[in-house]
Amino acid sequence: MRIKSAPGEGPENRKRQDRMLQKAVAPGLYEIVHSRRQGAVFVASAGAPGSSRILRLDPDTLAVEAEIPLPGKGFGLALDDAAGRLYASGGTEPEITVIDIAAGAVTAIIPLTAFGDGYHFRELIADPQQRRLYAPGVSFSDSALHIIDTHSLAVERVVPGLGFVATGIALDQGQGRIFISNMQGQIITLDRATHKIIGKAETPGDQLLNLAFDAAGGRIFATDQGHAYFDTLWQEHLPTYRRKGRGNRLFELEAATGREIRHAPVGVGPIAVLHDPARRRIYVTNRGDRTLAILDSDTFELVGRVLMDGAPNSLALDAQNAVLYVTVKTPEGEVKGGVESVVRLAL
């Protein structure tokens, strides 16, 4: 299945097309990670009920090398490569699955039931230095960050006050900060050591779905999704909220204050964002128009747009070998349940 460059984007996209592979893998693909130590790619397949699994893929051919059955659904992934551990969130299921990626087996289930009633768990981020896993519990009323001790595999603390549908998360290891974004346009900053909220910034965005952090530049990149469905959700759950824009853009924010530096239109329905400092690039998946947008991280200008066969969703980077991996889902409005795909793009 070939991937075509979007019209009018110049010869550089044609070069990318020659360096791309798209392969059908499994139903219900969500997040994806690359393990340098294992020399493999791991992707979550939610699939049909009872068939959720983690798939180990060959990083060059995308062939399935192994399947790891999950007791529940697989959605978000966080990798601790040094420990050989993969953590998988369950979406609507209040638990996190722990996987030994070398053995290819589930080793533990971390229940969040006592803390997670009413929460959905999507994005995860691992902090090996602190032996912690951070899991935003998404809520229509007040989201909360669930902090898990990865030694005891138990919830250590739950921090409320993250607002309406807090989905995005990024970690600043150097300055000891955790950034959370929500669907009312806020960036919340927590102290990594005390787990206390130390800042809450109002941004010009509305649906800050996902985040990426630039340590060298002290910047946060945030996708502003622009999904029309949130007008209904705001009316029902946050009636005082007033939309500030139409979305479909990427924000560059000052990490210390949340102040907007600039923003750029990236496509329809931006989802994931990934910063590639070595190549000074930012990658954004746009599910609404089936494109991968590529921006220059210095100028914030669009330097490429790649049209994909399906709706690009999640991103993973093999920085050493300059390869980007993308999960590609069935677009909205089309019949669900079919096999979805992974793209390998040599940068």
Protein backbone atom coordinates (compact mmCIF):
# COMPACT_ATOMS: atom_id res chain seq x y z
CA MET A 1 0.00 0.00 0.00
CA ARG A 2 1.72 3.17 -1.18
CA ILE A 3 1.63 6.55 0.48
CA LYS A 4 1.35 9.62 -1.70
CA SER A 5 2.63 13.11 -1.04
CA ALA A 6 0.01 15.79 -0.59
CA PRO A 7 -0.43 18.01 -3.66
CA GLY A 8 1.71 21.11 -3.96
CA GLU A 9 4.28 20.28 -1.32
CA GLY A 10 7.30 19.97 -3.61
CA PRO A 11 9.97 17.36 -4.41
CA GLU A 12 11.03 16.71 -0.82
CA ASN A 13 7.80 14.82 -0.19
CA ARG A 14 8.39 12.69 -3.28
CA LYS A 15 11.75 11.72 -1.79
CA ARG A 16 10.00 10.77 1.45
CA GLN A 17 7.54 8.62 -0.47
CA ASP A 18 10.44 6.53 -1.75
CA ARG A 19 11.58 5.98 1.83
CA MET A 20 8.21 4.89 3.22
CA LEU A 21 6.59 1.57 3.94
CA GLN A 22 2.97 1.09 5.03
CA LYS A 23 1.89 -2.32 6.27
CA ALA A 24 -1.47 -3.62 7.49
CA VAL A 25 -0.94 -5.01 10.99
CA ALA A 26 -4.05 -5.49 13.18
CA PRO A 27 -7.41 -3.98 14.17
CA GLY A 28 -7.68 -1.13 16.64
CA LEU A 29 -4.11 0.20 16.60
CA TYR A 30 -3.28 2.99 19.02
CA GLU A 31 0.06 3.98 20.49
CA ILE A 32 3.47 2.84 19.32
CA VAL A 33 7.00 2.88 20.79
CA HIS A 34 10.47 2.02 19.55
CA SER A 35 12.86 0.04 21.76
CA ARG A 36 16.51 0.63 20.95
CA ARG A 37 17.63 -2.15 23.30
CA GLN A 38 15.28 -4.71 21.83
CA GLY A 39 15.71 -3.51 18.26
CA ALA A 40 11.95 -3.67 17.86
CA VAL A 41 8.76 -1.66 17.59
CA PHE A 42 5.83 -2.31 19.93
CA VAL A 43 2.27 -1.26 19.12
CA ALA A 44 -1.00 -1.57 21.04
CA SER A 45 -3.89 -3.32 19.29
CA ALA A 46 -7.18 -2.90 21.16
CA GLY A 47 -8.92 -5.19 18.66
CA ALA A 48 -12.21 -6.88 19.42
CA PRO A 49 -13.22 -7.71 23.02
CA GLY A 50 -10.88 -10.38 24.37
CA SER A 51 -8.35 -9.98 21.59
CA SER A 52 -6.31 -6.99 22.75
CA ARG A 53 -2.56 -7.45 22.54
CA ILE A 54 0.82 -5.82 22.19
CA LEU A 55 2.48 -6.60 18.88
CA ARG A 56 6.24 -6.75 18.47
CA LEU A 57 7.22 -5.62 14.97
CA ASP A 58 10.42 -5.89 12.99
CA PRO A 59 11.64 -2.26 12.77
CA ASP A 60 12.60 -2.60 9.09
CA THR A 61 9.84 -4.73 7.56
CA LEU A 62 7.03 -4.13 10.12
CA ALA A 63 6.39 -7.87 10.14
CA VAL A 64 4.80 -9.16 13.36
CA GLU A 65 7.49 -11.02 15.33
CA ALA A 66 5.46 -11.77 18.46
CA GLU A 67 2.10 -11.15 20.09
CA ILE A 68 1.59 -10.47 23.79
CA PRO A 69 -2.06 -11.01 24.85
CA LEU A 70 -3.48 -8.41 27.22
CA PRO A 71 -6.08 -9.10 29.91
CA GLY A 72 -7.84 -5.83 29.05
CA LYS A 73 -7.64 -3.26 26.31
CA GLY A 74 -4.41 -1.64 25.17
CA PHE A 75 -4.36 2.06 24.40
CA GLY A 76 -1.54 4.30 25.65
CA LEU A 77 2.05 3.09 25.94
CA ALA A 78 5.07 4.20 27.97
CA LEU A 79 8.46 2.51 27.64
CA ASP A 80 11.24 2.16 30.19
CA ASP A 81 13.78 0.73 27.79
CA ALA A 82 16.57 0.27 30.33
CA ALA A 83 14.31 -1.81 32.56
CA GLY A 84 12.80 -3.69 29.63
CA ARG A 85 9.32 -2.64 30.72
CA LEU A 86 6.34 -1.47 28.74
CA TYR A 87 3.30 0.04 30.44
CA ALA A 88 -0.10 -0.02 28.72
CA SER A 89 -3.17 1.96 29.73
CA GLY A 90 -6.63 0.50 29.28
CA GLY A 91 -8.61 3.51 28.06
CA THR A 92 -11.96 3.12 29.81
CA GLU A 93 -10.63 0.26 31.96
CA PRO A 94 -9.08 1.53 35.24
CA GLU A 95 -5.86 -0.46 35.16
CA ILE A 96 -2.34 -0.40 33.78
CA THR A 97 -0.69 -3.51 32.38
CA VAL A 98 3.03 -4.10 32.93
CA ILE A 99 4.86 -6.06 30.22
CA ASP A 100 8.33 -7.57 30.15
CA ILE A 101 9.27 -6.88 26.53
CA ALA A 102 12.28 -9.22 26.49
CA ALA A 103 10.21 -12.16 27.75
CA GLY A 104 7.15 -11.07 25.80
CA ALA A 105 4.84 -11.53 28.77
CA VAL A 106 2.54 -9.60 31.08
CA THR A 107 4.09 -9.47 34.54
CA ALA A 108 1.63 -7.36 36.53
CA ILE A 109 -1.66 -5.49 36.52
CA ILE A 110 -1.82 -2.22 38.44
CA PRO A 111 -5.45 -1.67 39.52
CA LEU A 112 -6.70 1.90 39.56
CA THR A 113 -10.27 1.05 40.57
CA ALA A 114 -10.01 2.53 44.06
CA PHE A 115 -8.74 5.78 42.58
CA GLY A 116 -10.02 5.71 39.03
CA ASP A 117 -13.80 5.55 39.36
CA GLY A 118 -15.11 7.74 36.57
CA TYR A 119 -11.70 8.27 34.98
CA HIS A 120 -10.41 7.15 31.59
CA PHE A 121 -6.71 6.43 31.23
CA ARG A 122 -5.06 7.24 27.94
CA GLU A 123 -1.62 8.85 27.82
CA LEU A 124 1.19 7.58 30.05
CA ILE A 125 4.73 8.79 30.66
CA ALA A 126 7.51 6.88 32.40
CA ASP A 127 10.07 8.59 34.64
CA PRO A 128 12.82 6.01 35.26
CA GLN A 129 14.96 8.47 37.25
CA GLN A 130 12.24 8.84 39.87
CA ARG A 131 10.90 5.29 39.45
CA ARG A 132 7.50 6.73 38.68
CA LEU A 133 4.81 6.35 36.06
CA TYR A 134 2.43 9.25 35.45
CA ALA A 135 -1.11 8.54 34.25
CA PRO A 136 -3.61 11.38 33.76
CA GLY A 137 -7.08 10.22 34.74
CA VAL A 138 -9.39 11.88 32.23
CA SER A 139 -12.69 13.24 33.55
CA PHE A 140 -15.44 15.53 32.30
CA SER A 141 -15.52 17.20 35.73
CA ASP A 142 -12.04 17.26 37.28
CA SER A 143 -9.21 15.19 35.87
CA ALA A 144 -6.47 13.91 38.19
CA LEU A 145 -2.88 12.75 37.78
CA HIS A 146 -2.26 9.23 39.08
CA ILE A 147 1.34 8.74 40.22
CA ILE A 148 2.52 5.14 40.34
CA ASP A 149 5.60 3.78 42.09
CA THR A 150 7.20 1.49 39.51
CA HIS A 151 9.07 -0.46 42.20
CA SER A 152 6.03 -1.41 44.28
CA LEU A 153 3.65 -1.16 41.28
CA ALA A 154 1.14 0.69 43.42
CA VAL A 155 -0.56 4.06 43.16
CA GLU A 156 1.41 6.44 45.35
CA ARG A 157 -0.68 9.56 45.00
CA VAL A 158 -3.57 11.09 43.08
CA VAL A 159 -3.40 14.81 42.29
CA PRO A 160 -6.75 16.41 41.38
CA GLY A 161 -7.32 19.84 39.91
CA LEU A 162 -6.40 19.17 36.27
CA GLY A 163 -9.69 20.36 34.83
CA PHE A 164 -11.87 19.22 31.95
CA VAL A 165 -10.56 16.21 29.99
CA ALA A 166 -6.83 16.40 30.75
CA THR A 167 -5.13 14.27 28.11
CA GLY A 168 -1.70 15.65 27.24
CA ILE A 169 1.41 15.09 29.34
CA ALA A 170 5.11 15.90 29.01
CA LEU A 171 8.08 15.62 31.36
CA ASP A 172 10.90 18.10 31.95
CA GLN A 173 13.54 16.00 33.69
CA GLY A 174 16.09 18.83 33.86
CA GLN A 175 13.90 21.32 35.70
CA GLY A 176 11.79 18.73 37.50
CA ARG A 177 8.42 19.62 36.00
CA ILE A 178 5.42 17.71 34.71
CA PHE A 179 3.16 19.44 32.20
CA ILE A 180 -0.49 18.50 31.72
CA SER A 181 -2.87 19.90 29.11
CA ASN A 182 -6.65 19.80 29.04
CA MET A 183 -9.61 20.48 26.77
CA GLN A 184 -10.31 23.90 28.19
CA GLY A 185 -7.04 25.31 26.89
CA GLN A 186 -4.98 25.10 30.07
CA ILE A 187 -1.42 24.00 30.78
CA ILE A 188 -0.96 22.80 34.37
CA THR A 189 2.56 22.47 35.78
CA LEU A 190 3.40 20.13 38.65
CA ASP A 191 6.59 19.89 40.67
CA ARG A 192 8.12 16.50 39.91
CA ALA A 193 9.45 16.03 43.45
CA THR A 194 6.49 17.20 45.54
CA HIS A 195 3.76 16.45 42.97
CA LYS A 196 2.13 19.77 43.82
CA ILE A 197 0.56 22.02 41.21
CA ILE A 198 2.86 25.02 40.81
CA GLY A 199 1.31 26.70 37.80
CA LYS A 200 -1.85 26.90 35.71
CA ALA A 201 -1.77 28.87 32.47
CA GLU A 202 -4.65 29.87 30.21
CA THR A 203 -3.63 29.58 26.57
CA PRO A 204 -5.31 30.78 23.34
CA GLY A 205 -6.01 27.13 22.48
CA ASP A 206 -9.06 25.04 23.33
CA GLN A 207 -8.47 21.33 22.77
CA LEU A 208 -4.84 20.81 23.83
CA LEU A 209 -4.85 17.10 23.14
CA ASN A 210 -1.15 16.18 23.23
CA LEU A 211 2.16 17.74 24.23
CA ALA A 212 5.85 17.55 23.39
CA PHE A 213 8.62 19.26 25.36
CA ASP A 214 11.75 20.92 24.00
CA ALA A 215 14.33 20.91 26.80
CA ALA A 216 16.93 23.03 25.01
CA GLY A 217 14.45 25.73 24.01
CA GLY A 218 12.27 25.64 27.12
CA ARG A 219 9.21 25.20 24.91
CA ILE A 220 6.04 23.13 24.89
CA PHE A 221 4.40 22.11 21.63
CA ALA A 222 0.65 21.47 21.93
CA THR A 223 -1.83 20.21 19.34
CA ASP A 224 -5.14 22.10 19.33
CA GLN A 225 -7.50 19.55 17.82
CA GLY A 226 -10.55 21.57 16.79
CA HIS A 227 -13.08 18.73 16.93
CA ALA A 228 -16.68 19.96 16.60
CA TYR A 229 -17.92 17.36 19.09
CA PHE A 230 -16.40 19.34 21.94
CA ASP A 231 -18.96 22.10 21.45
CA THR A 232 -21.55 19.59 22.68
CA LEU A 233 -19.32 18.40 25.53
CA TRP A 234 -18.58 21.93 26.71
CA GLN A 235 -22.28 22.78 26.68
CA GLU A 236 -23.07 19.71 28.77
CA HIS A 237 -20.15 19.60 31.19
CA LEU A 238 -18.56 23.07 31.13
CA PRO A 239 -21.37 25.47 30.16
CA THR A 240 -19.43 28.63 31.07
CA TYR A 241 -16.62 27.81 28.64
CA ARG A 242 -16.35 29.84 25.45
CA ARG A 243 -14.39 28.57 22.48
CA LYS A 244 -11.38 30.75 21.64
CA GLY A 245 -10.52 29.46 18.17
CA ARG A 246 -11.24 26.83 15.55
CA GLY A 247 -8.30 24.54 16.32
CA ASN A 248 -6.42 22.64 13.61
CA ARG A 249 -3.15 24.19 14.75
CA LEU A 250 0.02 23.62 16.73
CA PHE A 251 0.96 25.97 19.55
CA GLU A 252 4.47 26.81 20.65
CA LEU A 253 4.31 27.83 24.30
CA GLU A 254 6.86 29.11 26.79
CA ALA A 255 7.27 26.27 29.29
CA ALA A 256 7.91 28.54 32.27
CA THR A 257 4.73 30.58 31.85
CA GLY A 258 2.50 28.90 29.27
CA ARG A 259 2.63 32.10 27.22
CA GLU A 260 2.07 31.68 23.49
CA ILE A 261 5.18 32.21 21.39
CA ARG A 262 3.41 31.46 18.10
CA HIS A 263 1.14 28.98 16.42
CA ALA A 264 0.89 27.38 13.00
CA PRO A 265 -1.92 25.71 11.04
CA VAL A 266 -0.95 22.07 10.56
CA GLY A 267 -3.98 20.30 9.09
CA VAL A 268 -7.42 19.05 10.07
CA GLY A 269 -7.77 17.32 13.43
CA PRO A 270 -4.19 17.25 14.77
CA ILE A 271 -3.57 14.44 17.25
CA ALA A 272 0.01 13.52 18.18
CA VAL A 273 3.07 15.76 18.24
CA LEU A 274 6.70 14.64 18.40
CA HIS A 275 9.80 16.84 18.61
CA ASP A 276 12.96 15.65 16.86
CA PRO A 277 15.75 17.94 18.14
CA ALA A 278 18.54 16.26 16.17
CA ARG A 279 16.86 17.11 12.87
CA ARG A 280 15.14 20.28 14.12
CA ARG A 281 11.77 18.97 13.12
CA ILE A 282 8.30 18.65 14.64
CA TYR A 283 5.95 15.93 13.41
CA VAL A 284 2.16 16.20 13.76
CA THR A 285 -0.47 13.63 12.78
CA ASN A 286 -3.73 14.99 11.35
CA ARG A 287 -6.54 12.46 11.40
CA GLY A 288 -9.05 14.74 9.70
CA ASP A 289 -7.14 15.19 6.43
CA ARG A 290 -5.00 12.02 6.62
CA THR A 291 -1.68 13.85 6.67
CA LEU A 292 1.57 13.98 8.57
CA ALA A 293 2.73 17.59 8.89
CA ILE A 294 6.45 18.30 9.23
CA LEU A 295 7.56 21.64 10.65
CA ASP A 296 10.94 23.30 11.11
CA SER A 297 11.29 23.61 14.89
CA ASP A 298 13.37 26.81 14.58
CA THR A 299 11.13 28.77 12.20
CA PHE A 300 7.84 26.94 12.90
CA GLU A 301 7.25 26.82 9.16
CA LEU A 302 5.66 23.85 7.42
CA VAL A 303 8.37 22.08 5.41
CA GLY A 304 6.47 18.97 4.37
CA ARG A 305 3.12 17.26 4.34
CA VAL A 306 2.66 13.56 3.67
CA LEU A 307 -0.71 12.15 2.67
CA MET A 308 -1.38 8.69 4.09
CA ASP A 309 -3.77 5.89 3.24
CA GLY A 310 -5.89 6.26 6.37
CA ALA A 311 -5.92 8.52 9.43
CA PRO A 312 -2.49 8.90 11.08
CA ASN A 313 -2.68 8.73 14.86
CA SER A 314 0.39 8.04 17.04
CA LEU A 315 4.13 8.56 16.58
CA ALA A 316 7.39 6.95 17.67
CA LEU A 317 10.96 7.86 16.74
CA ASP A 318 14.09 5.80 16.32
CA ALA A 319 16.41 8.78 16.73
CA GLN A 320 19.63 6.84 16.18
CA ASN A 321 18.56 5.44 12.80
CA ALA A 322 16.41 8.43 11.79
CA VAL A 323 13.17 6.49 11.35
CA LEU A 324 9.66 7.66 12.23
CA TYR A 325 6.85 5.18 12.93
CA VAL A 326 3.17 6.14 12.59
CA THR A 327 0.01 4.22 13.42
CA VAL A 328 -2.70 4.74 10.79
CA LYS A 329 -6.34 4.21 11.73
CA THR A 330 -9.61 3.85 9.88
CA PRO A 331 -10.87 7.39 9.14
CA GLU A 332 -14.01 8.74 10.81
CA GLY A 333 -17.15 7.86 8.89
CA GLU A 334 -15.75 4.61 7.52
CA VAL A 335 -16.58 1.13 8.78
CA LYS A 336 -14.58 0.29 11.90
CA GLY A 337 -13.11 -3.05 12.87
CA GLY A 338 -10.85 -3.64 9.89
CA VAL A 339 -7.11 -4.15 9.96
CA GLU A 340 -5.20 -0.92 10.56
CA SER A 341 -1.63 -0.17 9.58
CA VAL A 342 1.78 1.12 10.61
CA VAL A 343 3.99 3.39 8.51
CA ARG A 344 7.78 3.36 8.57
CA LEU A 345 9.29 6.60 7.29
CA ALA A 346 13.06 7.00 6.84
CA LEU A 347 13.83 10.64 7.62
